[in-house]
Protein backbone atom coordinates (compact mmCIF):
# COMPACT_ATOMS: atom_id res chain seq x y z
CA UNK A 1 0.00 0.00 0.00
CA UNK A 2 1.35 3.39 -1.02
CA UNK A 3 1.82 5.72 1.88
CA UNK A 4 3.33 9.11 2.57
CA UNK A 5 3.55 9.95 6.26
CA UNK A 6 4.38 13.49 7.28
CA UNK A 7 5.85 14.85 10.48
CA UNK A 8 6.92 18.26 11.70
CA UNK A 9 5.10 21.55 11.49
CA UNK A 10 3.48 23.54 14.26
CA UNK A 11 3.50 27.11 15.54
CA UNK A 12 6.50 29.37 15.11
CA UNK A 13 7.17 33.09 15.41
CA UNK A 14 8.02 35.18 12.34
CA UNK A 15 11.66 34.70 11.44
CA UNK A 16 11.73 31.23 12.93
CA UNK A 17 12.40 27.86 11.36
CA UNK A 18 10.65 24.53 10.99
CA UNK A 19 11.44 21.28 9.23
CA UNK A 20 8.87 19.04 7.62
CA UNK A 21 9.51 15.39 6.85
CA UNK A 22 7.69 12.99 4.54
CA UNK A 23 8.47 9.28 4.72
CA UNK A 24 7.46 7.14 1.75
CA UNK A 25 6.64 3.46 1.46
CA UNK A 26 5.10 1.13 -1.08
CA UNK A 27 7.74 1.69 -3.75
CA UNK A 28 6.76 5.22 -4.74
CA UNK A 29 9.95 7.08 -3.86
CA UNK A 30 12.61 6.02 -6.31
CA UNK A 31 12.04 7.48 -9.75
CA UNK A 32 9.37 9.84 -8.43
CA UNK A 33 9.55 13.59 -8.20
CA UNK A 34 8.67 14.57 -4.65
CA UNK A 35 6.93 17.85 -4.01
CA UNK A 36 5.85 19.99 -1.10
CA UNK A 37 2.57 21.82 -1.51
CA UNK A 38 0.62 24.19 0.68
CA UNK A 39 -2.97 25.25 0.89
CA UNK A 40 -4.88 27.97 2.70
CA UNK A 41 -8.67 28.04 3.01
CA UNK A 42 -10.38 29.23 -0.13
CA UNK A 43 -7.31 28.88 -2.33
CA UNK A 44 -5.90 26.19 -4.58
CA UNK A 45 -3.11 23.97 -3.39
CA UNK A 46 0.21 25.52 -4.42
CA UNK A 47 3.43 23.72 -5.32
CA UNK A 48 6.13 25.20 -3.10
CA UNK A 49 9.15 23.07 -3.92
CA UNK A 50 9.98 19.92 -5.83
CA UNK A 51 12.94 17.59 -6.22
CA UNK A 52 13.35 14.97 -8.94
CA UNK A 53 15.00 11.59 -8.61
CA UNK A 54 18.12 13.21 -10.10
CA UNK A 55 18.00 16.01 -7.49
CA UNK A 56 16.80 18.72 -9.88
CA UNK A 57 15.14 21.27 -7.63
CA UNK A 58 12.58 24.00 -8.16
CA UNK A 59 11.01 26.54 -5.82
CA UNK A 60 8.17 28.95 -6.09
CA UNK A 61 9.52 32.51 -6.06
CA UNK A 62 7.96 33.36 -2.70
CA UNK A 63 10.08 30.78 -0.84
CA UNK A 64 13.30 30.73 -2.87
CA UNK A 65 16.25 31.48 -0.63
CA UNK A 66 14.31 30.65 2.54
CA UNK A 67 13.15 27.05 2.01
CA UNK A 68 15.29 24.05 1.15
CA UNK A 69 13.98 20.75 -0.16
CA UNK A 70 16.09 17.62 0.08
CA UNK A 71 15.66 13.88 -0.16
CA UNK A 72 17.36 11.01 1.62
CA UNK A 73 17.12 7.91 -0.54
CA UNK A 74 18.46 5.67 2.23
CA UNK A 75 15.63 6.75 4.55
CA UNK A 76 13.11 7.14 1.70
CA UNK A 77 12.28 10.56 3.08
CA UNK A 78 11.96 14.04 1.68
CA UNK A 79 12.44 17.13 3.83
CA UNK A 80 11.46 20.77 3.67
CA UNK A 81 13.62 23.05 5.78
CA UNK A 82 11.82 26.36 6.22
CA UNK A 83 13.79 29.35 7.48
CA UNK A 84 12.92 33.03 7.91
CA UNK A 85 9.27 32.10 8.09
CA UNK A 86 6.68 34.77 7.43
CA UNK A 87 3.00 34.96 8.43
CA UNK A 88 2.07 34.43 4.78
CA UNK A 89 3.71 31.00 4.94
CA UNK A 90 0.89 29.90 7.21
CA UNK A 91 -0.89 26.99 5.53
CA UNK A 92 -1.47 23.27 5.60
CA UNK A 93 1.53 21.66 3.96
CA UNK A 94 1.32 18.41 2.00
CA UNK A 95 3.93 16.22 0.40
CA UNK A 96 3.11 14.60 -2.91
CA UNK A 97 4.68 11.93 -5.10
CA UNK A 98 4.67 12.62 -8.84
CA UNK A 99 5.41 9.62 -11.10
CA UNK A 100 7.88 9.77 -13.98
CA UNK A 101 6.49 11.89 -16.83
CA UNK A 102 3.53 12.84 -14.67
CA UNK A 103 2.63 16.32 -13.56
CA UNK A 104 0.34 15.70 -10.60
CA UNK A 105 0.86 13.61 -7.49
CA UNK A 106 -0.61 10.13 -7.36
CA UNK A 107 -0.11 9.95 -3.60
CA UNK A 108 -0.39 12.55 -0.86
CA UNK A 109 0.71 12.89 2.71
CA UNK A 110 -1.87 13.56 5.38
CA UNK A 111 -1.05 17.27 5.65
CA UNK A 112 0.42 19.23 8.52
CA UNK A 113 -0.42 22.69 9.80
CA UNK A 114 2.27 25.37 9.79
CA UNK A 115 1.33 28.58 11.59
CA UNK A 116 3.62 31.59 11.63
CA UNK A 117 2.43 34.10 14.20
CA UNK A 118 3.69 36.23 17.04
C-alpha atoms as a PDB file:
ATOM      1  CA  UNK A   1       0.000   0.000   0.000  1.00  0.00           C
ATOM      2  CA  UNK A   2       1.352   3.387  -1.024  1.00  0.00           C
ATOM      3  CA  UNK A   3       1.818   5.723   1.877  1.00  0.00           C
ATOM      4  CA  UNK A   4       3.333   9.114   2.572  1.00  0.00           C
ATOM      5  CA  UNK A   5       3.552   9.947   6.263  1.00  0.00           C
ATOM      6  CA  UNK A   6       4.377  13.495   7.283  1.00  0.00           C
ATOM      7  CA  UNK A   7       5.850  14.849  10.476  1.00  0.00           C
ATOM      8  CA  UNK A   8       6.920  18.263  11.702  1.00  0.00           C
ATOM      9  CA  UNK A   9       5.097  21.546  11.493  1.00  0.00           C
ATOM     10  CA  UNK A  10       3.478  23.538  14.262  1.00  0.00           C
ATOM     11  CA  UNK A  11       3.498  27.110  15.539  1.00  0.00           C
ATOM     12  CA  UNK A  12       6.503  29.371  15.111  1.00  0.00           C
ATOM     13  CA  UNK A  13       7.172  33.085  15.411  1.00  0.00           C
ATOM     14  CA  UNK A  14       8.023  35.176  12.340  1.00  0.00           C
ATOM     15  CA  UNK A  15      11.658  34.702  11.439  1.00  0.00           C
ATOM     16  CA  UNK A  16      11.725  31.229  12.929  1.00  0.00           C
ATOM     17  CA  UNK A  17      12.405  27.857  11.364  1.00  0.00           C
ATOM     18  CA  UNK A  18      10.653  24.534  10.992  1.00  0.00           C
ATOM     19  CA  UNK A  19      11.443  21.284   9.231  1.00  0.00           C
ATOM     20  CA  UNK A  20       8.873  19.039   7.619  1.00  0.00           C
ATOM     21  CA  UNK A  21       9.507  15.387   6.846  1.00  0.00           C
ATOM     22  CA  UNK A  22       7.695  12.994   4.541  1.00  0.00           C
ATOM     23  CA  UNK A  23       8.474   9.282   4.717  1.00  0.00           C
ATOM     24  CA  UNK A  24       7.459   7.139   1.755  1.00  0.00           C
ATOM     25  CA  UNK A  25       6.638   3.460   1.459  1.00  0.00           C
ATOM     26  CA  UNK A  26       5.101   1.129  -1.078  1.00  0.00           C
ATOM     27  CA  UNK A  27       7.739   1.692  -3.753  1.00  0.00           C
ATOM     28  CA  UNK A  28       6.763   5.216  -4.740  1.00  0.00           C
ATOM     29  CA  UNK A  29       9.949   7.082  -3.863  1.00  0.00           C
ATOM     30  CA  UNK A  30      12.615   6.017  -6.312  1.00  0.00           C
ATOM     31  CA  UNK A  31      12.043   7.478  -9.754  1.00  0.00           C
ATOM     32  CA  UNK A  32       9.374   9.837  -8.435  1.00  0.00           C
ATOM     33  CA  UNK A  33       9.547  13.590  -8.199  1.00  0.00           C
ATOM     34  CA  UNK A  34       8.669  14.571  -4.650  1.00  0.00           C
ATOM     35  CA  UNK A  35       6.928  17.853  -4.015  1.00  0.00           C
ATOM     36  CA  UNK A  36       5.853  19.988  -1.102  1.00  0.00           C
ATOM     37  CA  UNK A  37       2.574  21.820  -1.510  1.00  0.00           C
ATOM     38  CA  UNK A  38       0.623  24.186   0.683  1.00  0.00           C
ATOM     39  CA  UNK A  39      -2.971  25.250   0.886  1.00  0.00           C
ATOM     40  CA  UNK A  40      -4.877  27.969   2.702  1.00  0.00           C
ATOM     41  CA  UNK A  41      -8.667  28.036   3.012  1.00  0.00           C
ATOM     42  CA  UNK A  42     -10.380  29.232  -0.131  1.00  0.00           C
ATOM     43  CA  UNK A  43      -7.312  28.879  -2.334  1.00  0.00           C
ATOM     44  CA  UNK A  44      -5.902  26.192  -4.579  1.00  0.00           C
ATOM     45  CA  UNK A  45      -3.109  23.970  -3.392  1.00  0.00           C
ATOM     46  CA  UNK A  46       0.208  25.522  -4.420  1.00  0.00           C
ATOM     47  CA  UNK A  47       3.432  23.720  -5.315  1.00  0.00           C
ATOM     48  CA  UNK A  48       6.130  25.199  -3.099  1.00  0.00           C
ATOM     49  CA  UNK A  49       9.155  23.071  -3.916  1.00  0.00           C
ATOM     50  CA  UNK A  50       9.983  19.917  -5.833  1.00  0.00           C
ATOM     51  CA  UNK A  51      12.938  17.594  -6.217  1.00  0.00           C
ATOM     52  CA  UNK A  52      13.352  14.975  -8.936  1.00  0.00           C
ATOM     53  CA  UNK A  53      15.002  11.588  -8.608  1.00  0.00           C
ATOM     54  CA  UNK A  54      18.116  13.213 -10.098  1.00  0.00           C
ATOM     55  CA  UNK A  55      17.997  16.009  -7.495  1.00  0.00           C
ATOM     56  CA  UNK A  56      16.798  18.716  -9.882  1.00  0.00           C
ATOM     57  CA  UNK A  57      15.142  21.274  -7.627  1.00  0.00           C
ATOM     58  CA  UNK A  58      12.583  23.999  -8.163  1.00  0.00           C
ATOM     59  CA  UNK A  59      11.015  26.535  -5.818  1.00  0.00           C
ATOM     60  CA  UNK A  60       8.172  28.951  -6.095  1.00  0.00           C
ATOM     61  CA  UNK A  61       9.524  32.512  -6.057  1.00  0.00           C
ATOM     62  CA  UNK A  62       7.961  33.357  -2.700  1.00  0.00           C
ATOM     63  CA  UNK A  63      10.082  30.783  -0.837  1.00  0.00           C
ATOM     64  CA  UNK A  64      13.299  30.728  -2.868  1.00  0.00           C
ATOM     65  CA  UNK A  65      16.251  31.483  -0.627  1.00  0.00           C
ATOM     66  CA  UNK A  66      14.306  30.646   2.537  1.00  0.00           C
ATOM     67  CA  UNK A  67      13.155  27.052   2.013  1.00  0.00           C
ATOM     68  CA  UNK A  68      15.295  24.051   1.151  1.00  0.00           C
ATOM     69  CA  UNK A  69      13.984  20.750  -0.161  1.00  0.00           C
ATOM     70  CA  UNK A  70      16.087  17.621   0.078  1.00  0.00           C
ATOM     71  CA  UNK A  71      15.661  13.879  -0.164  1.00  0.00           C
ATOM     72  CA  UNK A  72      17.364  11.014   1.620  1.00  0.00           C
ATOM     73  CA  UNK A  73      17.125   7.914  -0.542  1.00  0.00           C
ATOM     74  CA  UNK A  74      18.462   5.669   2.230  1.00  0.00           C
ATOM     75  CA  UNK A  75      15.627   6.748   4.552  1.00  0.00           C
ATOM     76  CA  UNK A  76      13.114   7.135   1.701  1.00  0.00           C
ATOM     77  CA  UNK A  77      12.279  10.559   3.083  1.00  0.00           C
ATOM     78  CA  UNK A  78      11.957  14.045   1.684  1.00  0.00           C
ATOM     79  CA  UNK A  79      12.435  17.126   3.829  1.00  0.00           C
ATOM     80  CA  UNK A  80      11.460  20.774   3.667  1.00  0.00           C
ATOM     81  CA  UNK A  81      13.616  23.053   5.780  1.00  0.00           C
ATOM     82  CA  UNK A  82      11.815  26.362   6.217  1.00  0.00           C
ATOM     83  CA  UNK A  83      13.789  29.350   7.479  1.00  0.00           C
ATOM     84  CA  UNK A  84      12.922  33.027   7.907  1.00  0.00           C
ATOM     85  CA  UNK A  85       9.272  32.101   8.092  1.00  0.00           C
ATOM     86  CA  UNK A  86       6.675  34.768   7.433  1.00  0.00           C
ATOM     87  CA  UNK A  87       2.999  34.959   8.429  1.00  0.00           C
ATOM     88  CA  UNK A  88       2.074  34.432   4.783  1.00  0.00           C
ATOM     89  CA  UNK A  89       3.707  31.001   4.937  1.00  0.00           C
ATOM     90  CA  UNK A  90       0.889  29.898   7.211  1.00  0.00           C
ATOM     91  CA  UNK A  91      -0.892  26.992   5.530  1.00  0.00           C
ATOM     92  CA  UNK A  92      -1.466  23.270   5.596  1.00  0.00           C
ATOM     93  CA  UNK A  93       1.532  21.655   3.956  1.00  0.00           C
ATOM     94  CA  UNK A  94       1.323  18.412   1.996  1.00  0.00           C
ATOM     95  CA  UNK A  95       3.934  16.220   0.402  1.00  0.00           C
ATOM     96  CA  UNK A  96       3.109  14.605  -2.905  1.00  0.00           C
ATOM     97  CA  UNK A  97       4.682  11.933  -5.104  1.00  0.00           C
ATOM     98  CA  UNK A  98       4.673  12.617  -8.845  1.00  0.00           C
ATOM     99  CA  UNK A  99       5.408   9.617 -11.098  1.00  0.00           C
ATOM    100  CA  UNK A 100       7.880   9.766 -13.978  1.00  0.00           C
ATOM    101  CA  UNK A 101       6.492  11.886 -16.834  1.00  0.00           C
ATOM    102  CA  UNK A 102       3.531  12.837 -14.675  1.00  0.00           C
ATOM    103  CA  UNK A 103       2.630  16.323 -13.564  1.00  0.00           C
ATOM    104  CA  UNK A 104       0.342  15.704 -10.603  1.00  0.00           C
ATOM    105  CA  UNK A 105       0.864  13.609  -7.490  1.00  0.00           C
ATOM    106  CA  UNK A 106      -0.607  10.133  -7.362  1.00  0.00           C
ATOM    107  CA  UNK A 107      -0.106   9.955  -3.605  1.00  0.00           C
ATOM    108  CA  UNK A 108      -0.395  12.554  -0.862  1.00  0.00           C
ATOM    109  CA  UNK A 109       0.714  12.892   2.713  1.00  0.00           C
ATOM    110  CA  UNK A 110      -1.873  13.560   5.383  1.00  0.00           C
ATOM    111  CA  UNK A 111      -1.054  17.271   5.648  1.00  0.00           C
ATOM    112  CA  UNK A 112       0.424  19.229   8.524  1.00  0.00           C
ATOM    113  CA  UNK A 113      -0.417  22.693   9.798  1.00  0.00           C
ATOM    114  CA  UNK A 114       2.268  25.373   9.791  1.00  0.00           C
ATOM    115  CA  UNK A 115       1.326  28.576  11.587  1.00  0.00           C
ATOM    116  CA  UNK A 116       3.617  31.589  11.631  1.00  0.00           C
ATOM    117  CA  UNK A 117       2.428  34.097  14.197  1.00  0.00           C
ATOM    118  CA  UNK A 118       3.686  36.226  17.042  1.00  0.00           C
END
